[in-house]
Amino acid sequence: MRLQAAYDQFRDRADFYWIYIREAHPIGSRRPARHVRIEQPKTFDQRSAVATQCSGDLKLDIPVLVDGMDDPAARAYAAFPDRLYILGPDSRVAFQGGRGPRGFSVEEMTKALAELLLRK
């Protein structure tokens, strides 16, 4: 299941956001991405522009937030390079997915969200 499909399935029962954090494989890094060529943004405006481009390229309608240039969200949630979370009604972490890309499982997150919603 794609992240967009999970959003489409649960959007009327849960708030969804994805947070764009620093680029994992920018041009000039030890392991640059092969399929996209993105330089590491140096300003918040550049990071915001890359987030918007990424949303479009991935065909995501999920609202996007952009992490600050000092990466507070990425650090607080150990989110680099990517990770899925569900925050419960009490704002506590109800689900923490594995680190991406190997641990990035939309299916696992979707199952946890369905179970959480049944308990409401």
N, C-alpha and C. Protein backbone atom coordinates (compact mmCIF):
# COMPACT_ATOMS: atom_id res chain seq x y z
N MET A 1 0.85 -1.18 0.00
CA MET A 1 0.00 0.00 0.00
C MET A 1 0.89 1.24 0.00
N ARG A 2 0.52 2.19 -0.81
CA ARG A 2 1.23 3.47 -0.85
C ARG A 2 0.73 4.37 0.28
N LEU A 3 1.56 5.30 0.67
CA LEU A 3 1.20 6.26 1.71
C LEU A 3 -0.05 7.05 1.30
N GLN A 4 -0.16 7.42 0.05
CA GLN A 4 -1.33 8.15 -0.43
C GLN A 4 -2.60 7.33 -0.24
N ALA A 5 -2.53 6.03 -0.47
CA ALA A 5 -3.71 5.16 -0.29
C ALA A 5 -4.12 5.10 1.17
N ALA A 6 -3.15 5.07 2.09
CA ALA A 6 -3.47 5.08 3.52
C ALA A 6 -4.14 6.39 3.89
N TYR A 7 -3.63 7.47 3.37
CA TYR A 7 -4.24 8.79 3.61
C TYR A 7 -5.67 8.81 3.09
N ASP A 8 -5.87 8.34 1.88
CA ASP A 8 -7.22 8.32 1.29
C ASP A 8 -8.17 7.47 2.13
N GLN A 9 -7.69 6.38 2.67
CA GLN A 9 -8.52 5.47 3.46
C GLN A 9 -8.90 6.06 4.82
N PHE A 10 -7.99 6.79 5.46
CA PHE A 10 -8.20 7.23 6.84
C PHE A 10 -8.34 8.74 7.03
N ARG A 11 -8.27 9.51 5.99
CA ARG A 11 -8.23 10.97 6.11
C ARG A 11 -9.41 11.56 6.84
N ASP A 12 -10.56 10.90 6.82
CA ASP A 12 -11.74 11.43 7.50
C ASP A 12 -11.76 11.05 8.99
N ARG A 13 -10.82 10.20 9.41
CA ARG A 13 -10.79 9.75 10.81
C ARG A 13 -9.49 10.07 11.53
N ALA A 14 -8.49 10.56 10.82
CA ALA A 14 -7.19 10.87 11.42
C ALA A 14 -6.56 12.04 10.67
N ASP A 15 -5.81 12.84 11.40
CA ASP A 15 -5.06 13.92 10.77
C ASP A 15 -3.75 13.36 10.25
N PHE A 16 -3.44 13.64 9.01
CA PHE A 16 -2.21 13.17 8.38
C PHE A 16 -1.33 14.35 8.00
N TYR A 17 -0.05 14.20 8.22
CA TYR A 17 0.95 15.16 7.76
C TYR A 17 2.20 14.38 7.43
N TRP A 18 2.94 14.87 6.47
CA TRP A 18 4.28 14.34 6.30
C TRP A 18 5.21 15.52 6.45
N ILE A 19 6.34 15.26 7.09
CA ILE A 19 7.30 16.32 7.38
C ILE A 19 8.53 16.09 6.52
N TYR A 20 8.82 17.10 5.71
CA TYR A 20 10.03 17.02 4.89
C TYR A 20 11.21 17.42 5.76
N ILE A 21 12.18 16.50 5.89
CA ILE A 21 13.39 16.76 6.67
C ILE A 21 14.55 16.91 5.69
N ARG A 22 15.76 17.00 6.21
CA ARG A 22 16.90 17.19 5.30
C ARG A 22 16.99 16.04 4.31
N GLU A 23 17.57 16.36 3.18
CA GLU A 23 17.68 15.41 2.08
C GLU A 23 18.65 14.29 2.44
N ALA A 24 18.21 13.05 2.25
CA ALA A 24 19.03 11.89 2.64
C ALA A 24 20.18 11.63 1.67
N HIS A 25 19.96 11.86 0.40
CA HIS A 25 20.98 11.52 -0.61
C HIS A 25 21.17 12.66 -1.60
N PRO A 26 21.64 13.80 -1.12
CA PRO A 26 21.79 14.94 -2.03
C PRO A 26 22.98 14.77 -2.97
N ILE A 27 23.00 15.58 -3.99
CA ILE A 27 24.15 15.64 -4.90
C ILE A 27 25.38 15.97 -4.07
N GLY A 28 26.46 15.27 -4.32
CA GLY A 28 27.71 15.52 -3.62
C GLY A 28 27.90 14.71 -2.35
N SER A 29 26.88 13.94 -1.95
CA SER A 29 27.03 13.11 -0.76
C SER A 29 27.73 11.80 -1.13
N ARG A 30 28.07 11.03 -0.11
CA ARG A 30 28.74 9.75 -0.36
C ARG A 30 27.87 8.81 -1.18
N ARG A 31 26.55 8.89 -0.98
CA ARG A 31 25.62 8.01 -1.70
C ARG A 31 24.47 8.82 -2.28
N PRO A 32 24.73 9.61 -3.33
CA PRO A 32 23.64 10.40 -3.91
C PRO A 32 22.58 9.50 -4.55
N ALA A 33 21.36 9.96 -4.54
CA ALA A 33 20.27 9.20 -5.16
C ALA A 33 20.52 9.10 -6.66
N ARG A 34 20.16 7.98 -7.22
CA ARG A 34 20.34 7.78 -8.66
C ARG A 34 19.16 8.32 -9.45
N HIS A 35 17.97 8.22 -8.89
CA HIS A 35 16.76 8.56 -9.64
C HIS A 35 16.36 10.03 -9.53
N VAL A 36 16.90 10.76 -8.55
CA VAL A 36 16.62 12.19 -8.43
C VAL A 36 17.93 12.91 -8.14
N ARG A 37 18.01 14.14 -8.60
CA ARG A 37 19.22 14.94 -8.38
C ARG A 37 18.82 16.19 -7.61
N ILE A 38 19.04 16.15 -6.29
CA ILE A 38 18.65 17.26 -5.44
C ILE A 38 19.85 17.70 -4.61
N GLU A 39 20.11 18.99 -4.63
CA GLU A 39 21.15 19.53 -3.76
C GLU A 39 20.57 19.71 -2.37
N GLN A 40 21.42 19.59 -1.34
CA GLN A 40 20.96 19.81 0.02
C GLN A 40 20.54 21.28 0.16
N PRO A 41 19.28 21.54 0.49
CA PRO A 41 18.85 22.93 0.65
C PRO A 41 19.66 23.64 1.74
N LYS A 42 19.98 24.89 1.49
CA LYS A 42 20.76 25.67 2.45
C LYS A 42 19.90 26.68 3.20
N THR A 43 18.67 26.90 2.74
CA THR A 43 17.76 27.83 3.39
C THR A 43 16.40 27.15 3.57
N PHE A 44 15.60 27.71 4.46
CA PHE A 44 14.26 27.16 4.67
C PHE A 44 13.41 27.28 3.41
N ASP A 45 13.55 28.38 2.69
CA ASP A 45 12.79 28.54 1.44
C ASP A 45 13.16 27.48 0.42
N GLN A 46 14.44 27.16 0.32
CA GLN A 46 14.89 26.10 -0.60
C GLN A 46 14.33 24.76 -0.15
N ARG A 47 14.38 24.49 1.16
CA ARG A 47 13.86 23.22 1.68
C ARG A 47 12.36 23.13 1.40
N SER A 48 11.65 24.22 1.57
CA SER A 48 10.20 24.24 1.29
C SER A 48 9.92 23.97 -0.19
N ALA A 49 10.73 24.54 -1.05
CA ALA A 49 10.55 24.32 -2.49
C ALA A 49 10.79 22.86 -2.85
N VAL A 50 11.80 22.25 -2.26
CA VAL A 50 12.08 20.83 -2.52
C VAL A 50 10.94 19.98 -1.99
N ALA A 51 10.39 20.32 -0.82
CA ALA A 51 9.26 19.57 -0.25
C ALA A 51 8.06 19.63 -1.19
N THR A 52 7.78 20.79 -1.74
CA THR A 52 6.67 20.95 -2.68
C THR A 52 6.92 20.12 -3.93
N GLN A 53 8.13 20.16 -4.45
CA GLN A 53 8.49 19.37 -5.63
C GLN A 53 8.35 17.88 -5.33
N CYS A 54 8.81 17.47 -4.17
CA CYS A 54 8.75 16.06 -3.78
C CYS A 54 7.29 15.60 -3.68
N SER A 55 6.45 16.40 -3.07
CA SER A 55 5.02 16.07 -2.98
C SER A 55 4.42 15.83 -4.37
N GLY A 56 4.73 16.73 -5.28
CA GLY A 56 4.22 16.59 -6.64
C GLY A 56 4.77 15.37 -7.34
N ASP A 57 6.08 15.16 -7.23
CA ASP A 57 6.71 14.01 -7.89
C ASP A 57 6.17 12.69 -7.37
N LEU A 58 5.87 12.64 -6.05
CA LEU A 58 5.35 11.42 -5.44
C LEU A 58 3.82 11.32 -5.53
N LYS A 59 3.21 12.36 -6.09
CA LYS A 59 1.74 12.40 -6.24
C LYS A 59 1.05 12.24 -4.88
N LEU A 60 1.52 13.02 -3.90
CA LEU A 60 0.96 12.99 -2.55
C LEU A 60 0.06 14.21 -2.34
N ASP A 61 -1.16 13.96 -1.88
CA ASP A 61 -2.08 15.04 -1.50
C ASP A 61 -2.03 15.28 0.00
N ILE A 62 -1.18 14.56 0.70
CA ILE A 62 -1.06 14.67 2.15
C ILE A 62 -0.44 16.03 2.47
N PRO A 63 -1.01 16.76 3.42
CA PRO A 63 -0.41 18.05 3.78
C PRO A 63 1.05 17.86 4.21
N VAL A 64 1.90 18.76 3.74
CA VAL A 64 3.32 18.66 4.05
C VAL A 64 3.72 19.79 4.99
N LEU A 65 4.54 19.43 5.97
CA LEU A 65 5.18 20.39 6.86
C LEU A 65 6.67 20.30 6.56
N VAL A 66 7.40 21.36 6.86
CA VAL A 66 8.83 21.38 6.55
C VAL A 66 9.60 21.57 7.85
N ASP A 67 10.52 20.66 8.11
CA ASP A 67 11.36 20.73 9.30
C ASP A 67 12.26 21.96 9.21
N GLY A 68 12.57 22.54 10.35
CA GLY A 68 13.48 23.68 10.39
C GLY A 68 14.88 23.29 9.96
N MET A 69 15.67 24.27 9.64
CA MET A 69 17.01 24.01 9.13
C MET A 69 17.93 23.39 10.18
N ASP A 70 17.58 23.49 11.45
CA ASP A 70 18.35 22.81 12.49
C ASP A 70 17.76 21.44 12.81
N ASP A 71 16.81 20.99 12.00
CA ASP A 71 16.25 19.63 12.02
C ASP A 71 15.61 19.20 13.35
N PRO A 72 14.80 20.06 13.98
CA PRO A 72 14.23 19.67 15.29
C PRO A 72 13.31 18.45 15.22
N ALA A 73 12.49 18.35 14.20
CA ALA A 73 11.57 17.20 14.10
C ALA A 73 12.36 15.92 13.81
N ALA A 74 13.29 16.00 12.90
CA ALA A 74 14.10 14.81 12.56
C ALA A 74 14.85 14.30 13.79
N ARG A 75 15.40 15.22 14.58
CA ARG A 75 16.13 14.82 15.78
C ARG A 75 15.19 14.28 16.86
N ALA A 76 14.08 14.96 17.09
CA ALA A 76 13.15 14.55 18.15
C ALA A 76 12.55 13.18 17.89
N TYR A 77 12.33 12.85 16.63
CA TYR A 77 11.69 11.58 16.28
C TYR A 77 12.62 10.58 15.61
N ALA A 78 13.92 10.84 15.64
CA ALA A 78 14.89 9.94 15.00
C ALA A 78 14.38 9.54 13.61
N ALA A 79 14.01 10.55 12.84
CA ALA A 79 13.29 10.32 11.59
C ALA A 79 14.19 10.18 10.35
N PHE A 80 15.47 10.42 10.47
CA PHE A 80 16.33 10.38 9.30
C PHE A 80 16.70 8.94 8.96
N PRO A 81 16.62 8.48 7.73
CA PRO A 81 16.23 9.22 6.54
C PRO A 81 14.72 9.32 6.35
N ASP A 82 13.95 8.37 6.86
CA ASP A 82 12.49 8.50 6.86
C ASP A 82 11.91 7.50 7.85
N ARG A 83 10.74 7.84 8.36
CA ARG A 83 10.12 7.00 9.39
C ARG A 83 8.65 7.40 9.51
N LEU A 84 7.81 6.42 9.84
CA LEU A 84 6.37 6.65 10.02
C LEU A 84 6.03 6.66 11.51
N TYR A 85 5.19 7.60 11.89
CA TYR A 85 4.71 7.70 13.28
C TYR A 85 3.21 7.90 13.30
N ILE A 86 2.60 7.44 14.38
CA ILE A 86 1.21 7.79 14.69
C ILE A 86 1.23 8.36 16.10
N LEU A 87 0.66 9.53 16.24
CA LEU A 87 0.47 10.12 17.56
C LEU A 87 -0.97 9.87 17.96
N GLY A 88 -1.16 9.39 19.17
CA GLY A 88 -2.49 9.09 19.67
C GLY A 88 -3.23 10.35 20.09
N PRO A 89 -4.48 10.20 20.52
CA PRO A 89 -5.28 11.35 20.95
C PRO A 89 -4.64 12.13 22.11
N ASP A 90 -3.77 11.47 22.87
CA ASP A 90 -3.08 12.11 23.99
C ASP A 90 -1.75 12.75 23.55
N SER A 91 -1.49 12.77 22.24
CA SER A 91 -0.27 13.33 21.64
C SER A 91 0.98 12.51 21.93
N ARG A 92 0.82 11.33 22.46
CA ARG A 92 1.96 10.44 22.68
C ARG A 92 2.13 9.53 21.47
N VAL A 93 3.34 9.03 21.30
CA VAL A 93 3.60 8.13 20.18
C VAL A 93 2.85 6.82 20.39
N ALA A 94 1.94 6.53 19.46
CA ALA A 94 1.15 5.29 19.51
C ALA A 94 1.75 4.24 18.58
N PHE A 95 2.54 4.68 17.62
CA PHE A 95 3.20 3.77 16.68
C PHE A 95 4.48 4.44 16.20
N GLN A 96 5.56 3.68 16.20
CA GLN A 96 6.83 4.13 15.64
C GLN A 96 7.29 3.06 14.67
N GLY A 97 7.31 3.42 13.40
CA GLY A 97 7.78 2.48 12.40
C GLY A 97 9.29 2.38 12.41
N GLY A 98 9.80 1.44 11.67
CA GLY A 98 11.24 1.27 11.57
C GLY A 98 11.85 2.35 10.68
N ARG A 99 13.16 2.48 10.78
CA ARG A 99 13.86 3.46 9.94
C ARG A 99 13.81 3.03 8.48
N GLY A 100 13.58 4.01 7.63
CA GLY A 100 13.56 3.74 6.20
C GLY A 100 14.96 3.59 5.67
N PRO A 101 15.09 3.07 4.52
CA PRO A 101 13.98 2.62 3.69
C PRO A 101 13.49 1.21 4.03
N ARG A 102 14.33 0.38 4.64
CA ARG A 102 13.91 -1.01 4.89
C ARG A 102 12.78 -1.11 5.90
N GLY A 103 12.77 -0.26 6.91
CA GLY A 103 11.75 -0.34 7.95
C GLY A 103 10.52 0.50 7.68
N PHE A 104 10.48 1.16 6.54
CA PHE A 104 9.36 2.03 6.17
C PHE A 104 8.23 1.16 5.63
N SER A 105 7.27 0.85 6.50
CA SER A 105 6.18 -0.05 6.12
C SER A 105 4.83 0.63 6.29
N VAL A 106 4.27 1.06 5.18
CA VAL A 106 2.95 1.69 5.22
C VAL A 106 1.92 0.68 5.68
N GLU A 107 2.08 -0.58 5.30
CA GLU A 107 1.14 -1.62 5.72
C GLU A 107 1.12 -1.77 7.24
N GLU A 108 2.29 -1.77 7.86
CA GLU A 108 2.39 -1.89 9.31
C GLU A 108 1.74 -0.68 9.99
N MET A 109 2.01 0.51 9.47
CA MET A 109 1.42 1.73 10.02
C MET A 109 -0.10 1.72 9.86
N THR A 110 -0.58 1.30 8.72
CA THR A 110 -2.01 1.26 8.45
C THR A 110 -2.71 0.29 9.41
N LYS A 111 -2.11 -0.84 9.65
CA LYS A 111 -2.68 -1.81 10.59
C LYS A 111 -2.75 -1.20 12.00
N ALA A 112 -1.68 -0.56 12.43
CA ALA A 112 -1.65 0.07 13.76
C ALA A 112 -2.70 1.18 13.86
N LEU A 113 -2.87 1.96 12.80
CA LEU A 113 -3.86 3.03 12.81
C LEU A 113 -5.27 2.47 12.88
N ALA A 114 -5.55 1.42 12.12
CA ALA A 114 -6.87 0.79 12.16
C ALA A 114 -7.18 0.28 13.56
N GLU A 115 -6.20 -0.34 14.21
CA GLU A 115 -6.40 -0.85 15.57
C GLU A 115 -6.62 0.30 16.55
N LEU A 116 -5.87 1.36 16.42
CA LEU A 116 -6.02 2.52 17.30
C LEU A 116 -7.42 3.14 17.14
N LEU A 117 -7.89 3.23 15.92
CA LEU A 117 -9.20 3.82 15.68
C LEU A 117 -10.33 2.95 16.21
N LEU A 118 -10.13 1.64 16.24
CA LEU A 118 -11.15 0.73 16.79
C LEU A 118 -11.30 0.91 18.29
N ARG A 119 -10.21 1.31 18.96
CA ARG A 119 -10.24 1.48 20.41
C ARG A 119 -10.88 2.80 20.84
N LYS A 120 -11.09 3.70 19.93
CA LYS A 120 -11.67 5.01 20.28
C LYS A 120 -13.09 4.90 20.73
